[in-house]
Amino acid sequence: MTARWVVDEVMPRRDLSVVWQPISLFEKNKPDPDSDYYAPTKQTHDYLRVMEAVRQADETETGGRAVSTLGDDGSIDDPVFRYYWQLGSRIHHDGELHFDVAEALSDAGLDPALASAADDSAWDAEIKQRMGVGLALAGDDVGTPLIALDNEDGERVALFGPVITRVPTGDTALRLWDGFVAMATVPGFWEAKRTRTERPDFGQRPR
């Protein structure tokens, strides 16, 4: 939900570029193999292995960092983003946690052979390193979403959130973004929260 808010509503109206980073709840929370939490977090962890393979393949090919920016036609030509959007569409809109990763890659215009990374634990070190950067900024007692940005002095800061159940639009979306940036960049601010009373409304499936 937070990603859709940023991509659909904020990026077109603010000069943003986004680097999508992994956070593995399987790695962070280390669930007991007998718990109900183990299988789904292990599955999504394996999807993150593929994400890092996608990132490396792109950076090797282009010689640059994978970054999401809006093109003149409103599209985002970032393979990491395209893969992530495929995951979100299948999991949250289609209700499928288990699907053919090679097919998801192909639908994202990527090499389906990268799906083999799902079974390769060699990618775990990269996942840990990347999520560690975010947790070092925001603290270990946070989860996802986590947004990092630079304050007015060029210092990197981060906050957990915002947790939203629907995507605000128009000026409301920008008020939320500007408020989030203000909280993230004000020294001494740590937390704001209220009890959630509704389930997420994911809206239409991304195209």
N, C-alpha and C. Protein backbone atom coordinates (compact mmCIF):
# COMPACT_ATOMS: atom_id res chain seq x y z
N MET A 1 0.83 -1.20 0.00
CA MET A 1 0.00 0.00 0.00
C MET A 1 0.86 1.26 0.00
N THR A 2 1.90 1.25 0.82
CA THR A 2 2.79 2.41 0.90
C THR A 2 3.53 2.61 -0.42
N ALA A 3 3.95 1.50 -1.02
CA ALA A 3 4.65 1.61 -2.31
C ALA A 3 3.72 2.17 -3.38
N ARG A 4 2.48 1.75 -3.40
CA ARG A 4 1.54 2.26 -4.41
C ARG A 4 1.29 3.75 -4.21
N TRP A 5 1.20 4.17 -2.96
CA TRP A 5 1.04 5.60 -2.65
C TRP A 5 2.22 6.39 -3.21
N VAL A 6 3.44 5.90 -2.96
CA VAL A 6 4.64 6.61 -3.45
C VAL A 6 4.67 6.63 -4.97
N VAL A 7 4.45 5.47 -5.58
CA VAL A 7 4.58 5.35 -7.04
C VAL A 7 3.44 6.05 -7.78
N ASP A 8 2.21 5.78 -7.34
CA ASP A 8 1.05 6.27 -8.09
C ASP A 8 0.75 7.74 -7.84
N GLU A 9 1.04 8.21 -6.62
CA GLU A 9 0.58 9.56 -6.26
C GLU A 9 1.70 10.56 -5.97
N VAL A 10 2.78 10.10 -5.37
CA VAL A 10 3.82 11.05 -4.96
C VAL A 10 4.86 11.28 -6.05
N MET A 11 5.37 10.21 -6.64
CA MET A 11 6.41 10.37 -7.66
C MET A 11 6.00 11.30 -8.81
N PRO A 12 4.76 11.24 -9.30
CA PRO A 12 4.40 12.14 -10.41
C PRO A 12 4.38 13.62 -10.01
N ARG A 13 4.31 13.91 -8.70
CA ARG A 13 4.16 15.30 -8.25
C ARG A 13 5.35 15.82 -7.45
N ARG A 14 6.28 14.95 -7.15
CA ARG A 14 7.49 15.34 -6.43
C ARG A 14 8.69 14.79 -7.20
N ASP A 15 9.81 15.47 -7.10
CA ASP A 15 11.01 15.06 -7.81
C ASP A 15 11.69 13.94 -7.03
N LEU A 16 11.17 12.73 -7.18
CA LEU A 16 11.66 11.59 -6.41
C LEU A 16 12.31 10.56 -7.31
N SER A 17 13.35 9.95 -6.80
CA SER A 17 13.86 8.71 -7.36
C SER A 17 13.89 7.71 -6.21
N VAL A 18 13.63 6.46 -6.51
CA VAL A 18 13.47 5.44 -5.47
C VAL A 18 14.38 4.27 -5.75
N VAL A 19 15.11 3.84 -4.73
CA VAL A 19 15.87 2.60 -4.78
C VAL A 19 15.15 1.61 -3.88
N TRP A 20 14.66 0.53 -4.46
CA TRP A 20 13.90 -0.46 -3.71
C TRP A 20 14.87 -1.42 -3.03
N GLN A 21 14.73 -1.53 -1.71
CA GLN A 21 15.63 -2.37 -0.93
C GLN A 21 14.86 -3.51 -0.26
N PRO A 22 15.53 -4.62 -0.02
CA PRO A 22 14.85 -5.76 0.61
C PRO A 22 14.79 -5.62 2.12
N ILE A 23 13.73 -6.14 2.71
CA ILE A 23 13.70 -6.40 4.15
C ILE A 23 13.04 -7.77 4.32
N SER A 24 13.78 -8.69 4.86
CA SER A 24 13.31 -10.06 5.01
C SER A 24 12.79 -10.27 6.43
N LEU A 25 11.48 -10.46 6.56
CA LEU A 25 10.92 -10.74 7.88
C LEU A 25 11.33 -12.13 8.35
N PHE A 26 11.67 -13.00 7.41
CA PHE A 26 12.20 -14.31 7.77
C PHE A 26 13.56 -14.17 8.44
N GLU A 27 14.40 -13.36 7.86
CA GLU A 27 15.74 -13.15 8.42
C GLU A 27 15.69 -12.32 9.69
N LYS A 28 14.82 -11.31 9.72
CA LYS A 28 14.77 -10.41 10.86
C LYS A 28 14.16 -11.06 12.09
N ASN A 29 13.06 -11.79 11.89
CA ASN A 29 12.32 -12.35 13.04
C ASN A 29 12.70 -13.79 13.37
N LYS A 30 13.38 -14.45 12.44
CA LYS A 30 13.85 -15.82 12.63
C LYS A 30 12.77 -16.71 13.28
N PRO A 31 11.66 -16.92 12.58
CA PRO A 31 10.56 -17.70 13.16
C PRO A 31 10.94 -19.16 13.37
N ASP A 32 10.32 -19.75 14.36
CA ASP A 32 10.53 -21.17 14.64
C ASP A 32 9.99 -22.00 13.48
N PRO A 33 10.71 -23.03 13.03
CA PRO A 33 10.22 -23.84 11.91
C PRO A 33 8.85 -24.45 12.13
N ASP A 34 8.42 -24.58 13.37
CA ASP A 34 7.11 -25.15 13.65
C ASP A 34 5.99 -24.11 13.67
N SER A 35 6.33 -22.83 13.54
CA SER A 35 5.31 -21.80 13.62
C SER A 35 4.63 -21.60 12.27
N ASP A 36 3.41 -21.07 12.30
CA ASP A 36 2.68 -20.76 11.08
C ASP A 36 3.35 -19.64 10.29
N TYR A 37 4.18 -18.88 10.95
CA TYR A 37 4.85 -17.73 10.34
C TYR A 37 6.04 -18.14 9.49
N TYR A 38 6.55 -19.35 9.73
CA TYR A 38 7.79 -19.77 9.08
C TYR A 38 7.64 -19.87 7.56
N ALA A 39 6.67 -20.64 7.09
CA ALA A 39 6.55 -20.92 5.65
C ALA A 39 6.33 -19.67 4.81
N PRO A 40 5.39 -18.78 5.18
CA PRO A 40 5.19 -17.60 4.33
C PRO A 40 6.38 -16.64 4.32
N THR A 41 7.06 -16.49 5.46
CA THR A 41 8.21 -15.58 5.45
C THR A 41 9.40 -16.20 4.73
N LYS A 42 9.53 -17.52 4.78
CA LYS A 42 10.59 -18.17 4.02
C LYS A 42 10.32 -18.02 2.52
N GLN A 43 9.06 -18.14 2.14
CA GLN A 43 8.70 -17.99 0.73
C GLN A 43 9.05 -16.59 0.22
N THR A 44 8.67 -15.58 0.97
CA THR A 44 8.95 -14.22 0.52
C THR A 44 10.44 -13.92 0.59
N HIS A 45 11.15 -14.55 1.52
CA HIS A 45 12.61 -14.40 1.56
C HIS A 45 13.23 -14.93 0.26
N ASP A 46 12.73 -16.07 -0.20
CA ASP A 46 13.23 -16.64 -1.45
C ASP A 46 12.96 -15.70 -2.63
N TYR A 47 11.82 -15.02 -2.60
CA TYR A 47 11.53 -14.04 -3.65
C TYR A 47 12.54 -12.88 -3.61
N LEU A 48 13.00 -12.54 -2.41
CA LEU A 48 14.00 -11.48 -2.29
C LEU A 48 15.35 -11.92 -2.85
N ARG A 49 15.66 -13.19 -2.74
CA ARG A 49 16.89 -13.68 -3.38
C ARG A 49 16.85 -13.39 -4.88
N VAL A 50 15.70 -13.63 -5.47
CA VAL A 50 15.55 -13.36 -6.91
C VAL A 50 15.66 -11.87 -7.18
N MET A 51 15.09 -11.06 -6.30
CA MET A 51 15.19 -9.62 -6.47
C MET A 51 16.65 -9.17 -6.53
N GLU A 52 17.48 -9.73 -5.66
CA GLU A 52 18.89 -9.33 -5.66
C GLU A 52 19.61 -9.85 -6.91
N ALA A 53 19.19 -10.99 -7.42
CA ALA A 53 19.75 -11.47 -8.69
C ALA A 53 19.35 -10.55 -9.83
N VAL A 54 18.12 -10.07 -9.81
CA VAL A 54 17.66 -9.10 -10.82
C VAL A 54 18.48 -7.83 -10.74
N ARG A 55 18.70 -7.35 -9.51
CA ARG A 55 19.46 -6.12 -9.32
C ARG A 55 20.89 -6.27 -9.85
N GLN A 56 21.53 -7.37 -9.48
CA GLN A 56 22.91 -7.58 -9.92
C GLN A 56 23.02 -7.70 -11.44
N ALA A 57 22.08 -8.43 -12.03
CA ALA A 57 22.11 -8.59 -13.49
C ALA A 57 21.97 -7.24 -14.18
N ASP A 58 21.09 -6.39 -13.67
CA ASP A 58 20.90 -5.08 -14.28
C ASP A 58 22.12 -4.19 -14.08
N GLU A 59 22.66 -4.18 -12.88
CA GLU A 59 23.81 -3.32 -12.61
C GLU A 59 25.04 -3.78 -13.38
N THR A 60 25.16 -5.09 -13.59
CA THR A 60 26.26 -5.61 -14.39
C THR A 60 26.11 -5.17 -15.85
N GLU A 61 24.87 -5.22 -16.33
CA GLU A 61 24.61 -4.88 -17.74
C GLU A 61 24.75 -3.39 -18.00
N THR A 62 24.23 -2.56 -17.07
CA THR A 62 24.18 -1.12 -17.32
C THR A 62 25.35 -0.37 -16.70
N GLY A 63 26.02 -0.99 -15.73
CA GLY A 63 27.11 -0.31 -15.06
C GLY A 63 26.66 0.74 -14.07
N GLY A 64 25.37 0.77 -13.76
CA GLY A 64 24.84 1.76 -12.83
C GLY A 64 23.93 1.12 -11.80
N ARG A 65 23.43 1.93 -10.89
CA ARG A 65 22.54 1.45 -9.84
C ARG A 65 21.11 1.44 -10.34
N ALA A 66 20.37 0.40 -9.96
CA ALA A 66 18.96 0.31 -10.34
C ALA A 66 18.15 1.33 -9.54
N VAL A 67 17.54 2.29 -10.23
CA VAL A 67 16.80 3.37 -9.59
C VAL A 67 15.49 3.58 -10.34
N SER A 68 14.43 3.80 -9.58
CA SER A 68 13.12 4.08 -10.18
C SER A 68 12.94 5.59 -10.34
N THR A 69 12.76 6.04 -11.57
CA THR A 69 12.37 7.40 -11.87
C THR A 69 11.26 7.34 -12.91
N LEU A 70 10.44 8.35 -12.94
CA LEU A 70 9.34 8.39 -13.91
C LEU A 70 9.83 8.89 -15.26
N GLY A 71 9.52 8.13 -16.31
CA GLY A 71 9.80 8.59 -17.66
C GLY A 71 8.77 9.60 -18.10
N ASP A 72 8.98 10.17 -19.27
CA ASP A 72 8.06 11.18 -19.80
C ASP A 72 6.65 10.62 -19.98
N ASP A 73 6.57 9.31 -20.22
CA ASP A 73 5.26 8.68 -20.41
C ASP A 73 4.68 8.14 -19.11
N GLY A 74 5.35 8.43 -17.97
CA GLY A 74 4.85 7.97 -16.68
C GLY A 74 5.27 6.57 -16.30
N SER A 75 6.06 5.91 -17.15
CA SER A 75 6.50 4.55 -16.85
C SER A 75 7.79 4.58 -16.04
N ILE A 76 8.11 3.45 -15.43
CA ILE A 76 9.34 3.30 -14.66
C ILE A 76 10.15 2.17 -15.27
N ASP A 77 11.32 2.50 -15.79
CA ASP A 77 12.16 1.50 -16.43
C ASP A 77 13.24 1.05 -15.44
N ASP A 78 12.81 0.29 -14.44
CA ASP A 78 13.70 -0.22 -13.39
C ASP A 78 13.34 -1.69 -13.18
N PRO A 79 14.23 -2.61 -13.51
CA PRO A 79 13.89 -4.03 -13.42
C PRO A 79 13.55 -4.49 -12.01
N VAL A 80 14.20 -3.91 -11.00
CA VAL A 80 13.89 -4.29 -9.62
C VAL A 80 12.45 -3.90 -9.30
N PHE A 81 12.07 -2.69 -9.71
CA PHE A 81 10.69 -2.26 -9.50
C PHE A 81 9.71 -3.15 -10.26
N ARG A 82 10.00 -3.45 -11.50
CA ARG A 82 9.06 -4.25 -12.30
C ARG A 82 8.86 -5.63 -11.67
N TYR A 83 9.93 -6.22 -11.18
CA TYR A 83 9.81 -7.52 -10.50
C TYR A 83 9.00 -7.39 -9.22
N TYR A 84 9.29 -6.36 -8.43
CA TYR A 84 8.57 -6.12 -7.18
C TYR A 84 7.07 -5.93 -7.44
N TRP A 85 6.74 -5.21 -8.49
CA TRP A 85 5.33 -4.96 -8.82
C TRP A 85 4.63 -6.26 -9.22
N GLN A 86 5.37 -7.15 -9.87
CA GLN A 86 4.80 -8.46 -10.18
C GLN A 86 4.50 -9.24 -8.90
N LEU A 87 5.41 -9.20 -7.94
CA LEU A 87 5.19 -9.90 -6.68
C LEU A 87 3.96 -9.35 -5.97
N GLY A 88 3.91 -8.01 -5.84
CA GLY A 88 2.79 -7.40 -5.14
C GLY A 88 1.46 -7.69 -5.80
N SER A 89 1.44 -7.68 -7.13
CA SER A 89 0.19 -7.94 -7.85
C SER A 89 -0.28 -9.37 -7.62
N ARG A 90 0.63 -10.31 -7.66
CA ARG A 90 0.25 -11.71 -7.49
C ARG A 90 -0.17 -12.01 -6.05
N ILE A 91 0.60 -11.50 -5.10
CA ILE A 91 0.32 -11.81 -3.70
C ILE A 91 -0.93 -11.10 -3.21
N HIS A 92 -1.02 -9.79 -3.44
CA HIS A 92 -2.08 -9.01 -2.82
C HIS A 92 -3.35 -8.92 -3.67
N HIS A 93 -3.22 -8.94 -4.98
CA HIS A 93 -4.40 -8.82 -5.83
C HIS A 93 -4.92 -10.17 -6.27
N ASP A 94 -4.02 -11.09 -6.59
CA ASP A 94 -4.45 -12.41 -7.05
C ASP A 94 -4.57 -13.41 -5.90
N GLY A 95 -4.07 -13.04 -4.71
CA GLY A 95 -4.16 -13.92 -3.56
C GLY A 95 -3.30 -15.15 -3.67
N GLU A 96 -2.17 -15.05 -4.38
CA GLU A 96 -1.30 -16.20 -4.58
C GLU A 96 0.06 -15.94 -3.95
N LEU A 97 0.39 -16.73 -2.94
CA LEU A 97 1.73 -16.63 -2.37
C LEU A 97 2.71 -17.52 -3.12
N HIS A 98 2.22 -18.64 -3.63
CA HIS A 98 3.05 -19.58 -4.39
C HIS A 98 2.69 -19.47 -5.87
N PHE A 99 3.67 -19.09 -6.67
CA PHE A 99 3.45 -18.95 -8.11
C PHE A 99 4.76 -19.21 -8.83
N ASP A 100 4.69 -19.27 -10.12
CA ASP A 100 5.86 -19.53 -10.95
C ASP A 100 6.69 -18.25 -11.05
N VAL A 101 7.83 -18.23 -10.36
CA VAL A 101 8.66 -17.03 -10.34
C VAL A 101 9.22 -16.73 -11.74
N ALA A 102 9.54 -17.78 -12.48
CA ALA A 102 10.04 -17.57 -13.84
C ALA A 102 8.99 -16.86 -14.69
N GLU A 103 7.73 -17.19 -14.48
CA GLU A 103 6.65 -16.54 -15.22
C GLU A 103 6.53 -15.08 -14.80
N ALA A 104 6.67 -14.81 -13.50
CA ALA A 104 6.61 -13.43 -13.02
C ALA A 104 7.74 -12.61 -13.61
N LEU A 105 8.92 -13.19 -13.68
CA LEU A 105 10.05 -12.50 -14.29
C LEU A 105 9.79 -12.21 -15.76
N SER A 106 9.27 -13.21 -16.46
CA SER A 106 8.98 -13.04 -17.88
C SER A 106 7.95 -11.94 -18.09
N ASP A 107 6.91 -11.91 -17.24
CA ASP A 107 5.88 -10.88 -17.36
C ASP A 107 6.44 -9.49 -17.07
N ALA A 108 7.54 -9.44 -16.30
CA ALA A 108 8.18 -8.17 -16.01
C ALA A 108 9.22 -7.80 -17.07
N GLY A 109 9.33 -8.63 -18.12
CA GLY A 109 10.30 -8.37 -19.16
C GLY A 109 11.72 -8.72 -18.77
N LEU A 110 11.86 -9.68 -17.84
CA LEU A 110 13.17 -10.06 -17.31
C LEU A 110 13.49 -11.50 -17.64
N ASP A 111 14.74 -11.88 -17.47
CA ASP A 111 15.21 -13.22 -17.79
C ASP A 111 14.61 -14.23 -16.81
N PRO A 112 13.78 -15.15 -17.27
CA PRO A 112 13.17 -16.12 -16.36
C PRO A 112 14.19 -17.03 -15.69
N ALA A 113 15.39 -17.15 -16.26
CA ALA A 113 16.41 -18.00 -15.65
C ALA A 113 16.85 -17.47 -14.29
N LEU A 114 16.61 -16.20 -14.01
CA LEU A 114 16.97 -15.63 -12.71
C LEU A 114 16.17 -16.25 -11.57
N ALA A 115 15.09 -16.96 -11.89
CA ALA A 115 14.28 -17.61 -10.87
C ALA A 115 15.08 -18.63 -10.05
N SER A 116 16.16 -19.14 -10.61
CA SER A 116 16.96 -20.13 -9.90
C SER A 116 17.58 -19.56 -8.63
N ALA A 117 17.67 -18.24 -8.54
CA ALA A 117 18.24 -17.61 -7.34
C ALA A 117 17.41 -17.89 -6.10
N ALA A 118 16.14 -18.23 -6.26
CA ALA A 118 15.27 -18.49 -5.11
C ALA A 118 15.81 -19.61 -4.23
N ASP A 119 16.55 -20.53 -4.82
CA ASP A 119 17.08 -21.68 -4.07
C ASP A 119 18.55 -21.51 -3.71
N ASP A 120 19.08 -20.32 -3.92
CA ASP A 120 20.52 -20.09 -3.73
C ASP A 120 20.75 -19.22 -2.50
N SER A 121 21.22 -19.83 -1.41
CA SER A 121 21.44 -19.09 -0.16
C SER A 121 22.60 -18.10 -0.26
N ALA A 122 23.36 -18.15 -1.34
CA ALA A 122 24.47 -17.20 -1.50
C ALA A 122 23.96 -15.76 -1.55
N TRP A 123 22.70 -15.56 -1.90
CA TRP A 123 22.13 -14.21 -1.97
C TRP A 123 21.77 -13.66 -0.59
N ASP A 124 21.78 -14.50 0.43
CA ASP A 124 21.32 -14.06 1.75
C ASP A 124 22.22 -12.98 2.34
N ALA A 125 23.51 -13.06 2.07
CA ALA A 125 24.42 -12.05 2.61
C ALA A 125 24.09 -10.66 2.06
N GLU A 126 23.73 -10.59 0.78
CA GLU A 126 23.37 -9.31 0.18
C GLU A 126 22.08 -8.78 0.78
N ILE A 127 21.11 -9.66 0.99
CA ILE A 127 19.85 -9.25 1.62
C ILE A 127 20.11 -8.70 3.02
N LYS A 128 20.92 -9.42 3.81
CA LYS A 128 21.22 -8.98 5.17
C LYS A 128 21.93 -7.63 5.17
N GLN A 129 22.87 -7.46 4.26
CA GLN A 129 23.62 -6.21 4.22
C GLN A 129 22.71 -5.03 3.88
N ARG A 130 21.85 -5.22 2.89
CA ARG A 130 20.99 -4.13 2.45
C ARG A 130 19.93 -3.79 3.50
N MET A 131 19.31 -4.78 4.10
CA MET A 131 18.32 -4.49 5.12
C MET A 131 19.00 -3.94 6.38
N GLY A 132 20.25 -4.33 6.61
CA GLY A 132 20.97 -3.82 7.76
C GLY A 132 21.20 -2.33 7.69
N VAL A 133 21.40 -1.81 6.47
CA VAL A 133 21.57 -0.36 6.31
C VAL A 133 20.32 0.37 6.77
N GLY A 134 19.17 -0.11 6.36
CA GLY A 134 17.91 0.54 6.76
C GLY A 134 17.66 0.43 8.26
N LEU A 135 17.91 -0.75 8.83
CA LEU A 135 17.67 -0.94 10.25
C LEU A 135 18.65 -0.14 11.09
N ALA A 136 19.84 0.08 10.59
CA ALA A 136 20.80 0.92 11.31
C ALA A 136 20.31 2.36 11.40
N LEU A 137 19.55 2.79 10.39
CA LEU A 137 19.01 4.15 10.39
C LEU A 137 17.77 4.28 11.26
N ALA A 138 16.89 3.27 11.20
CA ALA A 138 15.59 3.39 11.86
C ALA A 138 15.49 2.63 13.17
N GLY A 139 16.44 1.73 13.44
CA GLY A 139 16.36 0.92 14.65
C GLY A 139 15.85 -0.46 14.36
N ASP A 140 16.17 -1.39 15.23
CA ASP A 140 15.85 -2.79 14.98
C ASP A 140 14.41 -3.15 15.34
N ASP A 141 13.72 -2.29 16.11
CA ASP A 141 12.36 -2.61 16.54
C ASP A 141 11.33 -2.06 15.56
N VAL A 142 11.65 -2.08 14.27
CA VAL A 142 10.72 -1.65 13.23
C VAL A 142 10.59 -2.78 12.20
N GLY A 143 9.62 -2.64 11.33
CA GLY A 143 9.43 -3.63 10.28
C GLY A 143 9.36 -2.96 8.93
N THR A 144 8.35 -3.32 8.18
CA THR A 144 8.18 -2.77 6.85
C THR A 144 6.77 -2.19 6.74
N PRO A 145 6.59 -1.05 6.07
CA PRO A 145 7.53 -0.33 5.22
C PRO A 145 8.50 0.53 6.02
N LEU A 146 9.63 0.80 5.40
CA LEU A 146 10.66 1.67 5.97
C LEU A 146 11.14 2.58 4.84
N ILE A 147 11.12 3.87 5.08
CA ILE A 147 11.53 4.83 4.06
C ILE A 147 12.72 5.62 4.58
N ALA A 148 13.79 5.66 3.80
CA ALA A 148 14.96 6.47 4.11
C ALA A 148 15.08 7.60 3.10
N LEU A 149 15.52 8.75 3.58
CA LEU A 149 15.69 9.92 2.71
C LEU A 149 16.74 10.83 3.33
N ASP A 150 17.15 11.85 2.59
CA ASP A 150 18.13 12.80 3.08
C ASP A 150 17.44 14.02 3.67
N ASN A 151 17.92 14.47 4.85
CA ASN A 151 17.36 15.70 5.40
C ASN A 151 18.01 16.91 4.74
N GLU A 152 17.67 18.10 5.21
CA GLU A 152 18.14 19.32 4.55
C GLU A 152 19.65 19.50 4.66
N ASP A 153 20.29 18.78 5.59
CA ASP A 153 21.74 18.84 5.72
C ASP A 153 22.44 17.72 4.96
N GLY A 154 21.66 16.93 4.21
CA GLY A 154 22.23 15.83 3.46
C GLY A 154 22.48 14.59 4.29
N GLU A 155 21.95 14.56 5.51
CA GLU A 155 22.12 13.40 6.39
C GLU A 155 21.01 12.38 6.12
N ARG A 156 21.38 11.13 6.02
CA ARG A 156 20.41 10.08 5.76
C ARG A 156 19.62 9.76 7.03
N VAL A 157 18.30 9.78 6.93
CA VAL A 157 17.42 9.46 8.06
C VAL A 157 16.35 8.50 7.57
N ALA A 158 15.69 7.83 8.49
CA ALA A 158 14.67 6.86 8.09
C ALA A 158 13.61 6.74 9.16
N LEU A 159 12.41 6.37 8.73
CA LEU A 159 11.30 6.08 9.64
C LEU A 159 10.57 4.84 9.16
N PHE A 160 10.03 4.09 10.10
CA PHE A 160 9.08 3.03 9.78
C PHE A 160 7.75 3.68 9.42
N GLY A 161 7.12 3.18 8.35
CA GLY A 161 5.83 3.69 7.95
C GLY A 161 5.92 4.50 6.66
N PRO A 162 4.82 5.16 6.30
CA PRO A 162 3.54 5.10 6.99
C PRO A 162 2.78 3.81 6.66
N VAL A 163 2.09 3.28 7.65
CA VAL A 163 1.23 2.13 7.44
C VAL A 163 -0.15 2.66 7.05
N ILE A 164 -0.60 2.32 5.85
CA ILE A 164 -1.88 2.82 5.35
C ILE A 164 -2.72 1.65 4.85
N THR A 165 -4.03 1.80 4.94
CA THR A 165 -4.93 0.76 4.47
C THR A 165 -5.56 1.11 3.13
N ARG A 166 -5.36 2.33 2.68
CA ARG A 166 -5.82 2.74 1.34
C ARG A 166 -4.89 3.83 0.83
N VAL A 167 -4.84 3.95 -0.47
CA VAL A 167 -3.92 4.92 -1.07
C VAL A 167 -4.61 6.28 -1.16
N PRO A 168 -4.10 7.28 -0.43
CA PRO A 168 -4.67 8.62 -0.59
C PRO A 168 -4.31 9.17 -1.97
N THR A 169 -5.11 10.06 -2.45
CA THR A 169 -4.89 10.59 -3.79
C THR A 169 -4.76 12.11 -3.76
N GLY A 170 -4.23 12.65 -4.87
CA GLY A 170 -4.18 14.10 -5.05
C GLY A 170 -3.46 14.83 -3.95
N ASP A 171 -4.04 15.95 -3.53
CA ASP A 171 -3.43 16.78 -2.49
C ASP A 171 -3.31 16.05 -1.16
N THR A 172 -4.24 15.14 -0.89
CA THR A 172 -4.17 14.37 0.36
C THR A 172 -2.93 13.50 0.38
N ALA A 173 -2.62 12.90 -0.77
CA ALA A 173 -1.41 12.08 -0.85
C ALA A 173 -0.17 12.90 -0.59
N LEU A 174 -0.13 14.11 -1.12
CA LEU A 174 1.03 14.97 -0.92
C LEU A 174 1.13 15.48 0.51
N ARG A 175 -0.01 15.73 1.15
CA ARG A 175 0.01 16.15 2.55
C ARG A 175 0.62 15.04 3.41
N LEU A 176 0.24 13.80 3.10
CA LEU A 176 0.81 12.68 3.85
C LEU A 176 2.31 12.58 3.62
N TRP A 177 2.75 12.74 2.37
CA TRP A 177 4.18 12.68 2.07
C TRP A 177 4.94 13.80 2.78
N ASP A 178 4.44 15.02 2.66
CA ASP A 178 5.14 16.14 3.28
C ASP A 178 5.17 16.00 4.80
N GLY A 179 4.09 15.48 5.38
CA GLY A 179 4.06 15.25 6.82
C GLY A 179 5.05 14.17 7.23
N PHE A 180 5.14 13.12 6.43
CA PHE A 180 6.09 12.04 6.72
C PHE A 180 7.52 12.56 6.65
N VAL A 181 7.81 13.35 5.61
CA VAL A 181 9.16 13.91 5.48
C VAL A 181 9.48 14.81 6.68
N ALA A 182 8.50 15.60 7.11
CA ALA A 182 8.73 16.47 8.26
C ALA A 182 9.05 15.66 9.51
N MET A 183 8.28 14.60 9.75
CA MET A 183 8.54 13.77 10.93
C MET A 183 9.90 13.10 10.84
N ALA A 184 10.25 12.61 9.65
CA ALA A 184 11.51 11.89 9.49
C ALA A 184 12.71 12.80 9.67
N THR A 185 12.55 14.09 9.38
CA THR A 185 13.71 14.99 9.38
C THR A 185 13.76 15.91 10.60
N VAL A 186 12.76 15.84 11.50
CA VAL A 186 12.78 16.66 12.71
C VAL A 186 13.55 15.91 13.80
N PRO A 187 14.65 16.45 14.30
CA PRO A 187 15.41 15.78 15.36
C PRO A 187 14.55 15.60 16.61
N GLY A 188 14.65 14.42 17.20
CA GLY A 188 13.92 14.14 18.43
C GLY A 188 12.56 13.49 18.22
N PHE A 189 12.06 13.46 16.97
CA PHE A 189 10.79 12.77 16.72
C PHE A 189 11.06 11.27 16.58
N TRP A 190 10.19 10.45 17.25
CA TRP A 190 10.41 9.01 17.22
C TRP A 190 9.20 8.21 16.76
N GLU A 191 8.01 8.56 17.20
CA GLU A 191 6.91 7.63 16.93
C GLU A 191 5.56 8.33 16.99
N ALA A 192 4.65 7.89 16.11
CA ALA A 192 3.24 8.29 16.17
C ALA A 192 2.43 7.08 15.72
N LYS A 193 1.35 6.76 16.44
CA LYS A 193 0.63 5.54 16.10
C LYS A 193 -0.80 5.62 16.63
N ARG A 194 -1.72 4.93 15.90
CA ARG A 194 -3.07 4.72 16.40
C ARG A 194 -3.51 3.33 15.98
N THR A 195 -4.52 2.79 16.67
CA THR A 195 -4.97 1.43 16.41
C THR A 195 -5.64 1.34 15.04
N ARG A 196 -5.25 0.33 14.28
CA ARG A 196 -5.83 0.14 12.96
C ARG A 196 -7.19 -0.55 13.08
N THR A 197 -8.18 -0.04 12.37
CA THR A 197 -9.55 -0.56 12.49
C THR A 197 -10.11 -1.07 11.17
N GLU A 198 -9.30 -1.12 10.11
CA GLU A 198 -9.78 -1.62 8.83
C GLU A 198 -8.67 -2.36 8.10
N ARG A 199 -9.07 -3.27 7.24
CA ARG A 199 -8.11 -4.04 6.46
C ARG A 199 -7.72 -3.25 5.21
N PRO A 200 -6.58 -3.59 4.60
CA PRO A 200 -6.15 -2.86 3.40
C PRO A 200 -7.12 -3.01 2.24
N ASP A 201 -7.31 -1.93 1.52
CA ASP A 201 -8.06 -1.94 0.27
C ASP A 201 -7.04 -1.73 -0.84
N PHE A 202 -6.68 -2.81 -1.54
CA PHE A 202 -5.57 -2.76 -2.50
C PHE A 202 -5.92 -2.09 -3.82
N GLY A 203 -7.20 -1.78 -4.03
CA GLY A 203 -7.58 -1.11 -5.26
C GLY A 203 -7.42 -2.02 -6.47
N GLN A 204 -7.39 -1.42 -7.65
CA GLN A 204 -7.27 -2.20 -8.87
C GLN A 204 -5.86 -2.76 -9.02
N ARG A 205 -5.78 -3.90 -9.67
CA ARG A 205 -4.47 -4.54 -9.91
C ARG A 205 -3.62 -3.66 -10.82
N PRO A 206 -2.34 -3.42 -10.46
CA PRO A 206 -1.49 -2.62 -11.35
C PRO A 206 -1.37 -3.26 -12.72
N ARG A 207 -1.26 -2.45 -13.75
CA ARG A 207 -1.13 -2.96 -15.11
C ARG A 207 0.33 -3.24 -15.43
